[in-house]
C-alpha atoms as a PDB file:
ATOM      1  CA  MET A   1     124.357 102.213  93.994  1.00  0.00           C
ATOM      2  CA  ILE A   2     121.334 102.252  96.570  1.00  0.00           C
ATOM      3  CA  ASN A   3     123.654 105.462  98.058  1.00  0.00           C
ATOM      4  CA  LYS A   4     123.449 107.091  95.172  1.00  0.00           C
ATOM      5  CA  LEU A   5     120.037 106.460  94.929  1.00  0.00           C
ATOM      6  CA  LYS A   6     119.477 107.710  98.584  1.00  0.00           C
ATOM      7  CA  VAL A   7     121.457 110.626  97.858  1.00  0.00           C
ATOM      8  CA  ALA A   8     119.626 111.643  94.780  1.00  0.00           C
ATOM      9  CA  VAL A   9     116.272 111.122  96.556  1.00  0.00           C
ATOM     10  CA  LEU A  10     117.060 113.489  99.602  1.00  0.00           C
ATOM     11  CA  THR A  11     118.628 116.173  97.228  1.00  0.00           C
ATOM     12  CA  ALA A  12     115.881 116.298  95.050  1.00  0.00           C
ATOM     13  CA  PRO A  13     113.531 118.308  96.882  1.00  0.00           C
ATOM     14  CA  THR A  14     116.080 120.868  97.526  1.00  0.00           C
ATOM     15  CA  PHE A  15     116.816 121.173  93.659  1.00  0.00           C
ATOM     16  CA  LEU A  16     113.323 121.547  92.959  1.00  0.00           C
ATOM     17  CA  LEU A  17     112.571 124.081  96.011  1.00  0.00           C
ATOM     18  CA  ALA A  18     115.753 126.134  94.662  1.00  0.00           C
ATOM     19  CA  GLN A  19     114.160 126.773  91.053  1.00  0.00           C
ATOM     20  CA  ARG A  20     111.146 127.364  92.321  1.00  0.00           C
ATOM     21  CA  ALA A  21     112.896 130.020  94.363  1.00  0.00           C
ATOM     22  CA  HIS A  22     115.127 131.040  91.686  1.00  0.00           C
ATOM     23  CA  ALA A  23     112.477 131.167  89.179  1.00  0.00           C
ATOM     24  CA  ASP A  24     110.316 133.700  91.489  1.00  0.00           C
ATOM     25  CA  ALA A  25     113.059 135.860  92.212  1.00  0.00           C
ATOM     26  CA  ALA A  26     113.355 136.300  88.664  1.00  0.00           C
ATOM     27  CA  THR A  27     110.110 136.887  88.365  1.00  0.00           C
ATOM     28  CA  GLY A  28     109.496 139.787  91.272  1.00  0.00           C
ATOM     29  CA  TRP A  29     107.064 137.275  92.746  1.00  0.00           C
ATOM     30  CA  THR A  30     106.209 138.301  96.096  1.00  0.00           C
ATOM     31  CA  GLY A  31     103.269 135.953  97.574  1.00  0.00           C
ATOM     32  CA  ALA A  32     100.203 134.610  96.811  1.00  0.00           C
ATOM     33  CA  PRO A  33      97.392 133.699  98.708  1.00  0.00           C
ATOM     34  CA  ALA A  34      97.035 129.942 100.107  1.00  0.00           C
ATOM     35  CA  GLU A  35      94.500 128.444  97.698  1.00  0.00           C
ATOM     36  CA  ASP A  36      97.462 129.168  94.906  1.00  0.00           C
ATOM     37  CA  TYR A  37      99.656 126.568  96.913  1.00  0.00           C
ATOM     38  CA  GLY A  38      96.919 123.524  96.763  1.00  0.00           C
ATOM     39  CA  LEU A  39      95.956 124.354 100.486  1.00  0.00           C
ATOM     40  CA  ALA A  40      92.884 122.951 101.629  1.00  0.00           C
ATOM     41  CA  HIS A  41      90.114 124.971 103.002  1.00  0.00           C
ATOM     42  CA  ASP A  42      87.615 122.658 103.692  1.00  0.00           C
ATOM     43  CA  PHE A  43      86.747 118.831 104.065  1.00  0.00           C
ATOM     44  CA  ASP A  44      85.889 118.568 100.389  1.00  0.00           C
ATOM     45  CA  ASP A  45      88.891 120.290  99.354  1.00  0.00           C
ATOM     46  CA  LEU A  46      91.178 118.431 101.661  1.00  0.00           C
ATOM     47  CA  VAL A  47      89.907 115.025 100.232  1.00  0.00           C
ATOM     48  CA  LEU A  48      90.703 115.967  96.826  1.00  0.00           C
ATOM     49  CA  THR A  49      94.062 117.206  97.746  1.00  0.00           C
ATOM     50  CA  ILE A  50      95.231 113.912  99.551  1.00  0.00           C
ATOM     51  CA  ILE A  51      93.692 111.837  96.582  1.00  0.00           C
ATOM     52  CA  GLU A  52      95.864 113.974  94.067  1.00  0.00           C
ATOM     53  CA  TRP A  53      98.915 113.452  95.903  1.00  0.00           C
ATOM     54  CA  PHE A  54      98.035 109.934  96.095  1.00  0.00           C
ATOM     55  CA  LEU A  55      97.092 109.844  92.533  1.00  0.00           C
ATOM     56  CA  ASP A  56     100.503 111.668  91.890  1.00  0.00           C
ATOM     57  CA  PHE A  57     102.589 109.129  93.675  1.00  0.00           C
ATOM     58  CA  VAL A  58     100.701 105.622  92.111  1.00  0.00           C
ATOM     59  CA  ILE A  59     101.534 107.269  88.629  1.00  0.00           C
ATOM     60  CA  MET A  60     105.189 108.059  89.505  1.00  0.00           C
ATOM     61  CA  LEU A  61     105.385 104.343  90.976  1.00  0.00           C
ATOM     62  CA  SER A  62     103.819 102.815  87.850  1.00  0.00           C
ATOM     63  CA  VAL A  63     105.707 104.397  85.401  1.00  0.00           C
ATOM     64  CA  LEU A  64     108.754 103.196  87.155  1.00  0.00           C
ATOM     65  CA  VAL A  65     107.476  99.931  87.593  1.00  0.00           C
ATOM     66  CA  ILE A  66     106.968  99.993  83.535  1.00  0.00           C
ATOM     67  CA  ILE A  67     110.355 100.998  82.979  1.00  0.00           C
ATOM     68  CA  PHE A  68     111.811  98.640  85.528  1.00  0.00           C
ATOM     69  CA  SER A  69     109.673  95.775  83.553  1.00  0.00           C
ATOM     70  CA  GLY A  70     111.170  96.899  80.335  1.00  0.00           C
ATOM     71  CA  ILE A  71     114.463  97.336  81.292  1.00  0.00           C
ATOM     72  CA  THR A  72     113.617  93.346  82.151  1.00  0.00           C
ATOM     73  CA  TYR A  73     112.318  92.645  79.236  1.00  0.00           C
ATOM     74  CA  VAL A  74     115.488  94.104  77.161  1.00  0.00           C
ATOM     75  CA  ALA A  75     117.770  92.402  79.468  1.00  0.00           C
ATOM     76  CA  SER A  76     116.248  88.988  79.619  1.00  0.00           C
ATOM     77  CA  SER A  77     118.371  87.879  76.444  1.00  0.00           C
ATOM     78  CA  GLY A  78     115.621  85.805  75.317  1.00  0.00           C
ATOM     79  CA  ASP A  79     115.177  83.874  78.748  1.00  0.00           C
ATOM     80  CA  GLN A  80     111.464  82.931  78.247  1.00  0.00           C
ATOM     81  CA  GLU A  81     110.406  82.814  82.173  1.00  0.00           C
ATOM     82  CA  ARG A  82     112.142  86.621  82.745  1.00  0.00           C
ATOM     83  CA  THR A  83     110.565  87.924  79.356  1.00  0.00           C
ATOM     84  CA  THR A  84     107.139  86.393  80.520  1.00  0.00           C
ATOM     85  CA  GLN A  85     107.632  87.874  83.948  1.00  0.00           C
ATOM     86  CA  ALA A  86     108.525  91.334  82.430  1.00  0.00           C
ATOM     87  CA  LYS A  87     105.225  91.146  80.520  1.00  0.00           C
ATOM     88  CA  LYS A  88     103.329  90.398  83.285  1.00  0.00           C
ATOM     89  CA  THR A  89     104.509  93.103  85.508  1.00  0.00           C
ATOM     90  CA  ALA A  90     103.908  95.721  82.771  1.00  0.00           C
ATOM     91  CA  LYS A  91     100.684  94.380  81.945  1.00  0.00           C
ATOM     92  CA  TYR A  92      99.909  94.714  86.242  1.00  0.00           C
ATOM     93  CA  ALA A  93     101.246  98.017  86.211  1.00  0.00           C
ATOM     94  CA  ILE A  94      99.001  99.810  83.452  1.00  0.00           C
ATOM     95  CA  MET A  95      95.882  98.006  85.105  1.00  0.00           C
ATOM     96  CA  GLY A  96      96.841  99.444  88.281  1.00  0.00           C
ATOM     97  CA  LEU A  97      97.279 102.967  86.618  1.00  0.00           C
ATOM     98  CA  ALA A  98      93.884 102.758  84.606  1.00  0.00           C
ATOM     99  CA  MET A  99      91.901 101.188  88.008  1.00  0.00           C
ATOM    100  CA  SER A 100      93.697 104.282  90.148  1.00  0.00           C
ATOM    101  CA  GLY A 101      92.443 106.799  87.150  1.00  0.00           C
ATOM    102  CA  LEU A 102      89.065 105.485  87.722  1.00  0.00           C
ATOM    103  CA  ALA A 103      89.114 105.467  91.576  1.00  0.00           C
ATOM    104  CA  TYR A 104      90.065 109.249  91.206  1.00  0.00           C
ATOM    105  CA  ALA A 105      87.486 109.960  88.865  1.00  0.00           C
ATOM    106  CA  VAL A 106      84.659 107.915  91.462  1.00  0.00           C
ATOM    107  CA  VAL A 107      85.739 109.942  94.269  1.00  0.00           C
ATOM    108  CA  ARG A 108      85.962 113.426  92.502  1.00  0.00           C
ATOM    109  CA  LEU A 109      82.224 112.919  91.205  1.00  0.00           C
ATOM    110  CA  VAL A 110      81.107 111.802  94.660  1.00  0.00           C
ATOM    111  CA  VAL A 111      83.035 114.403  96.509  1.00  0.00           C
ATOM    112  CA  THR A 112      81.876 117.324  93.631  1.00  0.00           C
ATOM    113  CA  ASN A 113      78.095 116.013  93.672  1.00  0.00           C
ATOM    114  CA  LEU A 114      77.314 114.677  96.913  1.00  0.00           C
ATOM    115  CA  ILE A 115      79.550 116.518  99.866  1.00  0.00           C
ATOM    116  CA  GLN A 116      79.218 120.029  98.275  1.00  0.00           C
ATOM    117  CA  GLU A 117      75.334 119.731  97.634  1.00  0.00           C
END
């Protein structure tokens, strides 16, 4: 199981990049300016880019934890301790997701209003 997971994680970027290259070839796309790739040109763009990547990671991790807790809840077979633990895990994953969203909003507000002035 772990070997299959390793293979999936290592090969996923290859498939994603291949799909992008195929789509580019099909549409005749030849290139774009650097800003289309999300590259930062100054400090505030760099900060926002890093935070957006981190937020994407947190969202993916939270969704995986929620799915895991749902599977644990279903597989608990009425065991009160496992059911309670699965509920707590889902609750904390949702709380973490909400807190990271609020943190992103605060940082975006600070960067766009204070640093750009």
